[in-house]
Amino acid sequence: MATAFQTISMLIAPAIGSLFAKLIGASIVLLAAGGATCLMGAIVLLFIVKRINHSL
């Protein structure tokens, strides 16, 4: 099931990205995607640090 969801999202993502780029501009879409990636990475990093500190 997880593999199916990943495959479907990889097929749909370019279409959605190009639609957003056409509506609001490619630079804004790229900035938003980069910001969302950084935010998700920071959240995961905080959870990892919290888990390491909790286990000590």
PDB file of N, CA and C in Angstrom:
ATOM      1  N   MET A   1       0.824  -1.196   0.000  1.00  0.00           N
ATOM      2  CA  MET A   1       0.000   0.000   0.000  1.00  0.00           C
ATOM      3  C   MET A   1       0.866   1.258   0.000  1.00  0.00           C
ATOM      4  N   ALA A   2       1.931   1.276   0.810  1.00  0.00           N
ATOM      5  CA  ALA A   2       2.802   2.448   0.855  1.00  0.00           C
ATOM      6  C   ALA A   2       3.494   2.658  -0.484  1.00  0.00           C
ATOM      7  N   THR A   3       3.881   1.589  -1.136  1.00  0.00           N
ATOM      8  CA  THR A   3       4.531   1.700  -2.432  1.00  0.00           C
ATOM      9  C   THR A   3       3.566   2.252  -3.476  1.00  0.00           C
ATOM     10  N   ALA A   4       2.319   1.824  -3.423  1.00  0.00           N
ATOM     11  CA  ALA A   4       1.317   2.330  -4.360  1.00  0.00           C
ATOM     12  C   ALA A   4       1.094   3.828  -4.165  1.00  0.00           C
ATOM     13  N   PHE A   5       1.015   4.257  -2.924  1.00  0.00           N
ATOM     14  CA  PHE A   5       0.824   5.677  -2.633  1.00  0.00           C
ATOM     15  C   PHE A   5       2.018   6.483  -3.131  1.00  0.00           C
ATOM     16  N   GLN A   6       3.219   5.975  -2.922  1.00  0.00           N
ATOM     17  CA  GLN A   6       4.417   6.664  -3.373  1.00  0.00           C
ATOM     18  C   GLN A   6       4.446   6.760  -4.892  1.00  0.00           C
ATOM     19  N   THR A   7       4.095   5.683  -5.571  1.00  0.00           N
ATOM     20  CA  THR A   7       4.103   5.680  -7.032  1.00  0.00           C
ATOM     21  C   THR A   7       3.069   6.643  -7.589  1.00  0.00           C
ATOM     22  N   ILE A   8       1.881   6.637  -7.027  1.00  0.00           N
ATOM     23  CA  ILE A   8       0.822   7.542  -7.490  1.00  0.00           C
ATOM     24  C   ILE A   8       1.219   8.990  -7.267  1.00  0.00           C
ATOM     25  N   SER A   9       1.805   9.281  -6.104  1.00  0.00           N
ATOM     26  CA  SER A   9       2.199  10.666  -5.839  1.00  0.00           C
ATOM     27  C   SER A   9       3.318  11.113  -6.773  1.00  0.00           C
ATOM     28  N   MET A  10       4.224  10.199  -7.140  1.00  0.00           N
ATOM     29  CA  MET A  10       5.290  10.560  -8.075  1.00  0.00           C
ATOM     30  C   MET A  10       4.737  10.800  -9.475  1.00  0.00           C
ATOM     31  N   LEU A  11       3.638  10.159  -9.822  1.00  0.00           N
ATOM     32  CA  LEU A  11       3.022  10.381 -11.127  1.00  0.00           C
ATOM     33  C   LEU A  11       2.201  11.669 -11.167  1.00  0.00           C
ATOM     34  N   ILE A  12       1.581  12.015 -10.069  1.00  0.00           N
ATOM     35  CA  ILE A  12       0.700  13.179 -10.024  1.00  0.00           C
ATOM     36  C   ILE A  12       1.457  14.475  -9.735  1.00  0.00           C
ATOM     37  N   ALA A  13       2.557  14.402  -8.998  1.00  0.00           N
ATOM     38  CA  ALA A  13       3.287  15.596  -8.564  1.00  0.00           C
ATOM     39  C   ALA A  13       3.715  16.517  -9.706  1.00  0.00           C
ATOM     40  N   PRO A  14       4.257  16.019 -10.810  1.00  0.00           N
ATOM     41  CA  PRO A  14       4.634  16.954 -11.891  1.00  0.00           C
ATOM     42  C   PRO A  14       3.447  17.721 -12.467  1.00  0.00           C
ATOM     43  N   ALA A  15       2.317  17.072 -12.591  1.00  0.00           N
ATOM     44  CA  ALA A  15       1.132  17.757 -13.115  1.00  0.00           C
ATOM     45  C   ALA A  15       0.659  18.845 -12.163  1.00  0.00           C
ATOM     46  N   ILE A  16       0.629  18.535 -10.879  1.00  0.00           N
ATOM     47  CA  ILE A  16       0.205  19.532  -9.891  1.00  0.00           C
ATOM     48  C   ILE A  16       1.209  20.677  -9.816  1.00  0.00           C
ATOM     49  N   GLY A  17       2.497  20.335  -9.840  1.00  0.00           N
ATOM     50  CA  GLY A  17       3.536  21.367  -9.803  1.00  0.00           C
ATOM     51  C   GLY A  17       3.468  22.294 -11.002  1.00  0.00           C
ATOM     52  N   SER A  18       3.247  21.729 -12.174  1.00  0.00           N
ATOM     53  CA  SER A  18       3.164  22.583 -13.362  1.00  0.00           C
ATOM     54  C   SER A  18       1.903  23.445 -13.346  1.00  0.00           C
ATOM     55  N   LEU A  19       0.821  22.916 -12.805  1.00  0.00           N
ATOM     56  CA  LEU A  19      -0.405  23.717 -12.678  1.00  0.00           C
ATOM     57  C   LEU A  19      -0.180  24.895 -11.742  1.00  0.00           C
ATOM     58  N   PHE A  20       0.432  24.629 -10.582  1.00  0.00           N
ATOM     59  CA  PHE A  20       0.739  25.715  -9.643  1.00  0.00           C
ATOM     60  C   PHE A  20       1.708  26.722 -10.266  1.00  0.00           C
ATOM     61  N   ALA A  21       2.707  26.222 -10.992  1.00  0.00           N
ATOM     62  CA  ALA A  21       3.672  27.121 -11.629  1.00  0.00           C
ATOM     63  C   ALA A  21       2.993  28.021 -12.653  1.00  0.00           C
ATOM     64  N   LYS A  22       2.032  27.474 -13.371  1.00  0.00           N
ATOM     65  CA  LYS A  22       1.311  28.280 -14.357  1.00  0.00           C
ATOM     66  C   LYS A  22       0.424  29.320 -13.667  1.00  0.00           C
ATOM     67  N   LEU A  23      -0.171  28.946 -12.533  1.00  0.00           N
ATOM     68  CA  LEU A  23      -1.087  29.858 -11.854  1.00  0.00           C
ATOM     69  C   LEU A  23      -0.368  30.952 -11.078  1.00  0.00           C
ATOM     70  N   ILE A  24       0.697  30.592 -10.337  1.00  0.00           N
ATOM     71  CA  ILE A  24       1.319  31.580  -9.441  1.00  0.00           C
ATOM     72  C   ILE A  24       2.774  31.869  -9.757  1.00  0.00           C
ATOM     73  N   GLY A  25       3.359  31.170 -10.699  1.00  0.00           N
ATOM     74  CA  GLY A  25       4.751  31.424 -11.081  1.00  0.00           C
ATOM     75  C   GLY A  25       5.680  30.335 -10.570  1.00  0.00           C
ATOM     76  N   ALA A  26       6.652  30.006 -11.397  1.00  0.00           N
ATOM     77  CA  ALA A  26       7.570  28.904 -11.076  1.00  0.00           C
ATOM     78  C   ALA A  26       8.464  29.231  -9.888  1.00  0.00           C
ATOM     79  N   SER A  27       8.902  30.483  -9.780  1.00  0.00           N
ATOM     80  CA  SER A  27       9.810  30.825  -8.681  1.00  0.00           C
ATOM     81  C   SER A  27       9.121  30.687  -7.325  1.00  0.00           C
ATOM     82  N   ILE A  28       7.866  31.060  -7.246  1.00  0.00           N
ATOM     83  CA  ILE A  28       7.135  30.936  -5.983  1.00  0.00           C
ATOM     84  C   ILE A  28       6.924  29.470  -5.636  1.00  0.00           C
ATOM     85  N   VAL A  29       6.620  28.655  -6.623  1.00  0.00           N
ATOM     86  CA  VAL A  29       6.434  27.224  -6.382  1.00  0.00           C
ATOM     87  C   VAL A  29       7.727  26.593  -5.891  1.00  0.00           C
ATOM     88  N   LEU A  30       8.853  26.944  -6.522  1.00  0.00           N
ATOM     89  CA  LEU A  30      10.140  26.396  -6.097  1.00  0.00           C
ATOM     90  C   LEU A  30      10.518  26.873  -4.698  1.00  0.00           C
ATOM     91  N   LEU A  31      10.266  28.134  -4.395  1.00  0.00           N
ATOM     92  CA  LEU A  31      10.539  28.643  -3.050  1.00  0.00           C
ATOM     93  C   LEU A  31       9.671  27.945  -2.010  1.00  0.00           C
ATOM     94  N   ALA A  32       8.405  27.748  -2.321  1.00  0.00           N
ATOM     95  CA  ALA A  32       7.504  27.073  -1.392  1.00  0.00           C
ATOM     96  C   ALA A  32       7.913  25.612  -1.180  1.00  0.00           C
ATOM     97  N   ALA A  33       8.287  24.940  -2.257  1.00  0.00           N
ATOM     98  CA  ALA A  33       8.719  23.550  -2.143  1.00  0.00           C
ATOM     99  C   ALA A  33      10.003  23.444  -1.321  1.00  0.00           C
ATOM    100  N   GLY A  34      10.937  24.336  -1.558  1.00  0.00           N
ATOM    101  CA  GLY A  34      12.177  24.344  -0.785  1.00  0.00           C
ATOM    102  C   GLY A  34      11.924  24.657   0.678  1.00  0.00           C
ATOM    103  N   GLY A  35      11.056  25.623   0.934  1.00  0.00           N
ATOM    104  CA  GLY A  35      10.716  25.964   2.318  1.00  0.00           C
ATOM    105  C   GLY A  35      10.021  24.823   3.028  1.00  0.00           C
ATOM    106  N   ALA A  36       9.114  24.157   2.338  1.00  0.00           N
ATOM    107  CA  ALA A  36       8.414  23.022   2.946  1.00  0.00           C
ATOM    108  C   ALA A  36       9.374  21.872   3.228  1.00  0.00           C
ATOM    109  N   THR A  37      10.326  21.653   2.322  1.00  0.00           N
ATOM    110  CA  THR A  37      11.317  20.605   2.539  1.00  0.00           C
ATOM    111  C   THR A  37      12.196  20.920   3.742  1.00  0.00           C
ATOM    112  N   CYS A  38      12.637  22.167   3.854  1.00  0.00           N
ATOM    113  CA  CYS A  38      13.452  22.570   5.011  1.00  0.00           C
ATOM    114  C   CYS A  38      12.663  22.455   6.313  1.00  0.00           C
ATOM    115  N   LEU A  39      11.413  22.864   6.285  1.00  0.00           N
ATOM    116  CA  LEU A  39      10.581  22.776   7.480  1.00  0.00           C
ATOM    117  C   LEU A  39      10.374  21.328   7.906  1.00  0.00           C
ATOM    118  N   MET A  40      10.096  20.459   6.955  1.00  0.00           N
ATOM    119  CA  MET A  40       9.909  19.046   7.287  1.00  0.00           C
ATOM    120  C   MET A  40      11.200  18.433   7.814  1.00  0.00           C
ATOM    121  N   GLY A  41      12.334  18.811   7.230  1.00  0.00           N
ATOM    122  CA  GLY A  41      13.624  18.321   7.710  1.00  0.00           C
ATOM    123  C   GLY A  41      13.910  18.787   9.128  1.00  0.00           C
ATOM    124  N   ALA A  42      13.590  20.042   9.425  1.00  0.00           N
ATOM    125  CA  ALA A  42      13.808  20.572  10.776  1.00  0.00           C
ATOM    126  C   ALA A  42      12.923  19.860  11.791  1.00  0.00           C
ATOM    127  N   ILE A  43      11.683  19.582  11.422  1.00  0.00           N
ATOM    128  CA  ILE A  43      10.775  18.881  12.330  1.00  0.00           C
ATOM    129  C   ILE A  43      11.282  17.477  12.615  1.00  0.00           C
ATOM    130  N   VAL A  44      11.715  16.767  11.583  1.00  0.00           N
ATOM    131  CA  VAL A  44      12.249  15.414  11.772  1.00  0.00           C
ATOM    132  C   VAL A  44      13.504  15.464  12.629  1.00  0.00           C
ATOM    133  N   LEU A  45      14.372  16.433  12.379  1.00  0.00           N
ATOM    134  CA  LEU A  45      15.590  16.567  13.170  1.00  0.00           C
ATOM    135  C   LEU A  45      15.271  16.832  14.635  1.00  0.00           C
ATOM    136  N   LEU A  46      14.281  17.670  14.904  1.00  0.00           N
ATOM    137  CA  LEU A  46      13.888  17.929  16.290  1.00  0.00           C
ATOM    138  C   LEU A  46      13.367  16.665  16.970  1.00  0.00           C
ATOM    139  N   PHE A  47      12.571  15.868  16.261  1.00  0.00           N
ATOM    140  CA  PHE A  47      12.086  14.615  16.829  1.00  0.00           C
ATOM    141  C   PHE A  47      13.227  13.650  17.112  1.00  0.00           C
ATOM    142  N   ILE A  48      14.217  13.603  16.216  1.00  0.00           N
ATOM    143  CA  ILE A  48      15.359  12.710  16.424  1.00  0.00           C
ATOM    144  C   ILE A  48      16.164  13.161  17.645  1.00  0.00           C
ATOM    145  N   VAL A  49      16.433  14.447  17.746  1.00  0.00           N
ATOM    146  CA  VAL A  49      17.176  14.962  18.895  1.00  0.00           C
ATOM    147  C   VAL A  49      16.403  14.722  20.186  1.00  0.00           C
ATOM    148  N   LYS A  50      15.111  14.945  20.154  1.00  0.00           N
ATOM    149  CA  LYS A  50      14.278  14.716  21.341  1.00  0.00           C
ATOM    150  C   LYS A  50      14.324  13.250  21.755  1.00  0.00           C
ATOM    151  N   ARG A  51      14.264  12.343  20.792  1.00  0.00           N
ATOM    152  CA  ARG A  51      14.297  10.915  21.089  1.00  0.00           C
ATOM    153  C   ARG A  51      15.655  10.500  21.651  1.00  0.00           C
ATOM    154  N   ILE A  52      16.738  11.049  21.099  1.00  0.00           N
ATOM    155  CA  ILE A  52      18.074  10.721  21.608  1.00  0.00           C
ATOM    156  C   ILE A  52      18.231  11.241  23.028  1.00  0.00           C
ATOM    157  N   ASN A  53      17.788  12.464  23.278  1.00  0.00           N
ATOM    158  CA  ASN A  53      17.895  13.030  24.643  1.00  0.00           C
ATOM    159  C   ASN A  53      17.015  12.284  25.622  1.00  0.00           C
ATOM    160  N   HIS A  54      15.884  11.806  25.177  1.00  0.00           N
ATOM    161  CA  HIS A  54      14.965  11.081  26.060  1.00  0.00           C
ATOM    162  C   HIS A  54      15.538   9.719  26.438  1.00  0.00           C
ATOM    163  N   SER A  55      16.266   9.092  25.524  1.00  0.00           N
ATOM    164  CA  SER A  55      16.787   7.752  25.785  1.00  0.00           C
ATOM    165  C   SER A  55      18.031   7.789  26.667  1.00  0.00           C
ATOM    166  N   LEU A  56      18.652   8.956  26.809  1.00  0.00           N
ATOM    167  CA  LEU A  56      19.849   9.053  27.651  1.00  0.00           C
ATOM    168  C   LEU A  56      19.486   9.092  29.063  1.00  0.00           C
TER     169      LEU A  56
END
